[in-house]
């Protein structure tokens, strides 16, 4: 009962949580600094170090790409969820009519 009933109802919330988690993970510099191993540099650490030393266009380009990718993901997910909801309502209407 989870996949046919509950999952379609919470799909939009799950996708929103994924996108929010991705966005917040870029902000977690302290955790990235603590968990990254020697010789490994994560994206939040690179952005933070470049912001301290002076911003250059590559930081702005990375931020723009992230915002664009997340925006496109939100729009595509919204369209997919709207299409699935429309299809589900048409199927329910056809089942109510008896055919």
N, C-alpha and C. Protein backbone atom coordinates (compact mmCIF):
# COMPACT_ATOMS: atom_id res chain seq x y z
N UNK A 1 0.80 -1.20 0.00
CA UNK A 1 0.00 0.00 0.00
C UNK A 1 0.85 1.27 0.00
N UNK A 2 2.12 1.14 0.33
CA UNK A 2 2.96 2.33 0.39
C UNK A 2 3.18 2.91 -1.00
N UNK A 3 3.58 2.08 -1.97
CA UNK A 3 3.92 2.59 -3.29
C UNK A 3 2.72 3.13 -4.07
N UNK A 4 1.59 2.46 -4.11
CA UNK A 4 0.49 3.02 -4.91
C UNK A 4 -0.28 4.14 -4.21
N UNK A 5 -0.24 4.21 -2.87
CA UNK A 5 -1.06 5.20 -2.18
C UNK A 5 -0.22 6.31 -1.56
N UNK A 6 0.68 5.94 -0.67
CA UNK A 6 1.39 6.95 0.13
C UNK A 6 2.47 7.67 -0.67
N UNK A 7 3.25 6.94 -1.44
CA UNK A 7 4.35 7.56 -2.17
C UNK A 7 3.90 8.66 -3.14
N UNK A 8 2.84 8.46 -3.93
CA UNK A 8 2.40 9.58 -4.78
C UNK A 8 1.94 10.81 -3.99
N UNK A 9 1.43 10.58 -2.79
CA UNK A 9 0.97 11.71 -1.99
C UNK A 9 2.12 12.52 -1.40
N UNK A 10 3.24 11.86 -1.11
CA UNK A 10 4.36 12.57 -0.48
C UNK A 10 5.51 12.82 -1.45
N UNK A 11 5.33 12.51 -2.72
CA UNK A 11 6.42 12.65 -3.70
C UNK A 11 6.92 14.09 -3.79
N UNK A 12 6.02 15.04 -3.81
CA UNK A 12 6.42 16.44 -3.92
C UNK A 12 7.22 16.88 -2.69
N UNK A 13 6.81 16.42 -1.52
CA UNK A 13 7.54 16.76 -0.31
C UNK A 13 8.93 16.14 -0.30
N UNK A 14 9.04 14.91 -0.78
CA UNK A 14 10.34 14.25 -0.83
C UNK A 14 11.29 14.98 -1.77
N UNK A 15 10.78 15.40 -2.93
CA UNK A 15 11.62 16.12 -3.88
C UNK A 15 12.04 17.47 -3.31
N UNK A 16 11.12 18.16 -2.66
CA UNK A 16 11.46 19.45 -2.05
C UNK A 16 12.52 19.27 -0.97
N UNK A 17 12.41 18.22 -0.19
CA UNK A 17 13.39 17.95 0.85
C UNK A 17 14.76 17.66 0.24
N UNK A 18 14.79 16.93 -0.85
CA UNK A 18 16.07 16.65 -1.53
C UNK A 18 16.74 17.93 -2.00
N UNK A 19 15.97 18.80 -2.65
CA UNK A 19 16.54 20.04 -3.16
C UNK A 19 16.98 20.96 -2.02
N UNK A 20 16.22 21.01 -0.95
CA UNK A 20 16.60 21.83 0.19
C UNK A 20 17.85 21.29 0.85
N UNK A 21 17.95 19.98 0.96
CA UNK A 21 19.14 19.37 1.56
C UNK A 21 20.38 19.66 0.72
N UNK A 22 20.24 19.58 -0.60
CA UNK A 22 21.36 19.89 -1.48
C UNK A 22 21.81 21.34 -1.29
N UNK A 23 20.86 22.25 -1.23
CA UNK A 23 21.19 23.66 -1.08
C UNK A 23 21.84 23.93 0.28
N UNK A 24 21.30 23.33 1.33
CA UNK A 24 21.87 23.56 2.66
C UNK A 24 23.23 22.89 2.83
N UNK A 25 23.49 21.83 2.08
CA UNK A 25 24.78 21.16 2.21
C UNK A 25 25.92 22.05 1.71
N UNK A 26 25.62 22.94 0.80
CA UNK A 26 26.66 23.86 0.32
C UNK A 26 26.99 24.93 1.37
N UNK A 27 26.10 25.14 2.31
CA UNK A 27 26.29 26.16 3.32
C UNK A 27 27.03 25.62 4.55
N UNK A 28 27.21 24.34 4.64
CA UNK A 28 27.76 23.72 5.85
C UNK A 28 29.28 23.63 5.76
N UNK A 29 29.95 24.76 5.88
CA UNK A 29 31.40 24.82 5.74
C UNK A 29 32.10 24.16 6.91
N UNK A 30 31.61 24.37 8.11
CA UNK A 30 32.27 23.82 9.30
C UNK A 30 32.24 22.30 9.26
N UNK A 31 31.10 21.73 8.94
CA UNK A 31 31.00 20.28 8.86
C UNK A 31 31.88 19.73 7.74
N UNK A 32 31.93 20.42 6.61
CA UNK A 32 32.78 19.98 5.51
C UNK A 32 34.25 20.03 5.89
N UNK A 33 34.64 21.07 6.62
CA UNK A 33 36.04 21.18 7.04
C UNK A 33 36.39 20.08 8.03
N UNK A 34 35.45 19.71 8.88
CA UNK A 34 35.71 18.69 9.88
C UNK A 34 35.75 17.29 9.26
N UNK A 35 34.89 17.02 8.29
CA UNK A 35 34.77 15.66 7.74
C UNK A 35 35.64 15.38 6.52
N UNK A 36 36.17 16.41 5.90
CA UNK A 36 37.00 16.15 4.71
C UNK A 36 38.36 15.64 5.14
N UNK A 37 38.87 14.70 4.41
CA UNK A 37 40.15 14.11 4.73
C UNK A 37 41.30 14.96 4.24
N UNK A 38 42.52 14.55 4.55
CA UNK A 38 43.68 15.30 4.08
C UNK A 38 43.79 15.22 2.56
N UNK A 39 44.01 16.34 1.96
CA UNK A 39 44.15 16.39 0.51
C UNK A 39 42.83 16.50 -0.22
N UNK A 40 41.70 16.37 0.48
CA UNK A 40 40.38 16.48 -0.14
C UNK A 40 39.82 17.87 0.12
N UNK A 41 39.31 18.49 -0.91
CA UNK A 41 38.71 19.81 -0.77
C UNK A 41 37.30 19.75 -1.35
N UNK A 42 36.34 20.06 -0.51
CA UNK A 42 34.95 20.04 -0.96
C UNK A 42 34.57 21.41 -1.53
N UNK A 43 33.45 21.44 -2.24
CA UNK A 43 33.02 22.69 -2.86
C UNK A 43 32.75 23.79 -1.83
N UNK A 44 32.09 23.52 -0.69
CA UNK A 44 31.90 24.61 0.28
C UNK A 44 33.23 25.20 0.78
N UNK A 45 34.23 24.35 0.96
CA UNK A 45 35.53 24.86 1.42
C UNK A 45 36.20 25.73 0.36
N UNK A 46 36.10 25.33 -0.89
CA UNK A 46 36.68 26.12 -1.97
C UNK A 46 36.00 27.48 -2.06
N UNK A 47 34.68 27.49 -2.01
CA UNK A 47 33.94 28.75 -2.11
C UNK A 47 34.26 29.64 -0.91
N UNK A 48 34.32 29.06 0.29
CA UNK A 48 34.62 29.84 1.48
C UNK A 48 36.02 30.43 1.42
N UNK A 49 37.00 29.64 0.99
CA UNK A 49 38.36 30.16 0.93
C UNK A 49 38.51 31.24 -0.13
N UNK A 50 37.82 31.08 -1.24
CA UNK A 50 37.89 32.13 -2.26
C UNK A 50 37.17 33.39 -1.82
N UNK A 51 36.11 33.24 -1.03
CA UNK A 51 35.41 34.42 -0.52
C UNK A 51 36.28 35.19 0.46
N UNK A 52 37.07 34.47 1.25
CA UNK A 52 37.96 35.14 2.20
C UNK A 52 39.10 35.86 1.47
N UNK A 53 39.63 35.26 0.43
CA UNK A 53 40.78 35.84 -0.27
C UNK A 53 40.37 36.87 -1.30
N UNK A 54 39.13 36.97 -1.61
CA UNK A 54 38.65 37.89 -2.62
C UNK A 54 37.88 37.12 -3.68
N UNK A 55 36.71 37.59 -3.96
CA UNK A 55 35.86 36.88 -4.92
C UNK A 55 36.36 37.10 -6.34
N UNK A 56 36.29 36.03 -7.08
CA UNK A 56 36.59 36.12 -8.50
C UNK A 56 35.38 35.59 -9.27
N UNK A 57 35.33 35.76 -10.55
CA UNK A 57 34.14 35.36 -11.30
C UNK A 57 33.81 33.87 -11.25
N UNK A 58 34.76 33.02 -10.96
CA UNK A 58 34.45 31.58 -10.95
C UNK A 58 33.49 31.22 -9.82
N UNK A 59 33.57 31.89 -8.67
CA UNK A 59 32.64 31.65 -7.58
C UNK A 59 31.23 32.07 -7.99
N UNK A 60 31.13 33.21 -8.64
CA UNK A 60 29.83 33.66 -9.13
C UNK A 60 29.27 32.71 -10.18
N UNK A 61 30.13 32.18 -11.02
CA UNK A 61 29.68 31.23 -12.04
C UNK A 61 29.16 29.94 -11.41
N UNK A 62 29.86 29.44 -10.41
CA UNK A 62 29.41 28.22 -9.72
C UNK A 62 28.07 28.46 -9.04
N UNK A 63 27.91 29.60 -8.39
CA UNK A 63 26.65 29.92 -7.72
C UNK A 63 25.51 30.04 -8.74
N UNK A 64 25.78 30.65 -9.87
CA UNK A 64 24.76 30.78 -10.90
C UNK A 64 24.36 29.42 -11.45
N UNK A 65 25.33 28.57 -11.69
CA UNK A 65 25.03 27.23 -12.22
C UNK A 65 24.20 26.44 -11.21
N UNK A 66 24.52 26.53 -9.94
CA UNK A 66 23.76 25.82 -8.92
C UNK A 66 22.33 26.32 -8.87
N UNK A 67 22.14 27.63 -8.89
CA UNK A 67 20.79 28.19 -8.84
C UNK A 67 20.00 27.77 -10.08
N UNK A 68 20.61 27.79 -11.25
CA UNK A 68 19.93 27.41 -12.48
C UNK A 68 19.55 25.93 -12.46
N UNK A 69 20.47 25.08 -12.03
CA UNK A 69 20.19 23.64 -12.00
C UNK A 69 19.05 23.33 -11.02
N UNK A 70 19.09 23.94 -9.85
CA UNK A 70 18.02 23.70 -8.87
C UNK A 70 16.69 24.25 -9.38
N UNK A 71 16.70 25.41 -10.03
CA UNK A 71 15.47 25.98 -10.58
C UNK A 71 14.89 25.09 -11.66
N UNK A 72 15.73 24.60 -12.55
CA UNK A 72 15.25 23.71 -13.60
C UNK A 72 14.69 22.43 -12.99
N UNK A 73 15.35 21.91 -11.98
CA UNK A 73 14.86 20.71 -11.31
C UNK A 73 13.50 20.93 -10.67
N UNK A 74 13.31 22.08 -10.05
CA UNK A 74 12.02 22.39 -9.42
C UNK A 74 10.92 22.51 -10.47
N UNK A 75 11.21 23.19 -11.56
CA UNK A 75 10.21 23.35 -12.62
C UNK A 75 9.85 22.00 -13.24
N UNK A 76 10.85 21.18 -13.55
CA UNK A 76 10.58 19.87 -14.14
C UNK A 76 9.81 18.96 -13.18
N UNK A 77 10.17 19.01 -11.93
CA UNK A 77 9.45 18.19 -10.95
C UNK A 77 8.01 18.67 -10.80
N UNK A 78 7.82 19.96 -10.81
CA UNK A 78 6.47 20.50 -10.70
C UNK A 78 5.62 20.10 -11.89
N UNK A 79 6.20 20.15 -13.08
CA UNK A 79 5.46 19.73 -14.28
C UNK A 79 5.14 18.24 -14.24
N UNK A 80 6.09 17.44 -13.80
CA UNK A 80 5.85 15.99 -13.72
C UNK A 80 4.78 15.65 -12.70
N UNK A 81 4.81 16.33 -11.57
CA UNK A 81 3.80 16.07 -10.54
C UNK A 81 2.43 16.54 -11.01
N UNK A 82 2.35 17.69 -11.69
CA UNK A 82 1.07 18.17 -12.21
C UNK A 82 0.52 17.22 -13.26
N UNK A 83 1.39 16.69 -14.12
CA UNK A 83 0.96 15.74 -15.14
C UNK A 83 0.44 14.45 -14.51
N UNK A 84 1.15 13.96 -13.50
CA UNK A 84 0.71 12.73 -12.82
C UNK A 84 -0.61 12.97 -12.09
N UNK A 85 -0.78 14.12 -11.48
CA UNK A 85 -2.03 14.44 -10.79
C UNK A 85 -3.18 14.56 -11.77
N UNK A 86 -2.94 15.15 -12.92
CA UNK A 86 -3.97 15.27 -13.95
C UNK A 86 -4.37 13.90 -14.47
N UNK A 87 -3.38 13.04 -14.70
CA UNK A 87 -3.65 11.69 -15.17
C UNK A 87 -4.45 10.90 -14.12
N UNK A 88 -4.07 11.06 -12.87
CA UNK A 88 -4.77 10.35 -11.79
C UNK A 88 -6.22 10.82 -11.68
N UNK A 89 -6.46 12.13 -11.82
CA UNK A 89 -7.83 12.63 -11.73
C UNK A 89 -8.66 12.17 -12.92
N UNK A 90 -8.05 12.06 -14.11
CA UNK A 90 -8.77 11.54 -15.27
C UNK A 90 -9.11 10.07 -15.09
N UNK A 91 -8.20 9.30 -14.52
CA UNK A 91 -8.48 7.89 -14.26
C UNK A 91 -9.58 7.72 -13.22
N UNK A 92 -9.58 8.56 -12.21
CA UNK A 92 -10.65 8.50 -11.21
C UNK A 92 -12.00 8.89 -11.80
N UNK A 93 -12.00 9.89 -12.67
CA UNK A 93 -13.25 10.29 -13.32
C UNK A 93 -13.75 9.18 -14.23
N UNK A 94 -12.84 8.53 -14.96
CA UNK A 94 -13.25 7.42 -15.84
C UNK A 94 -13.77 6.24 -15.03
N UNK A 95 -13.16 5.98 -13.88
CA UNK A 95 -13.62 4.88 -13.03
C UNK A 95 -14.98 5.21 -12.41
N UNK A 96 -15.21 6.47 -12.10
CA UNK A 96 -16.50 6.86 -11.53
C UNK A 96 -17.62 6.76 -12.56
N UNK A 97 -17.28 7.00 -13.83
CA UNK A 97 -18.28 6.87 -14.90
C UNK A 97 -18.58 5.42 -15.23
N UNK A 98 -17.66 4.55 -14.82
CA UNK A 98 -17.87 3.12 -15.07
C UNK A 98 -17.21 2.62 -16.33
N UNK A 99 -16.22 3.31 -16.79
CA UNK A 99 -15.65 2.76 -17.98
C UNK A 99 -14.37 3.32 -18.34
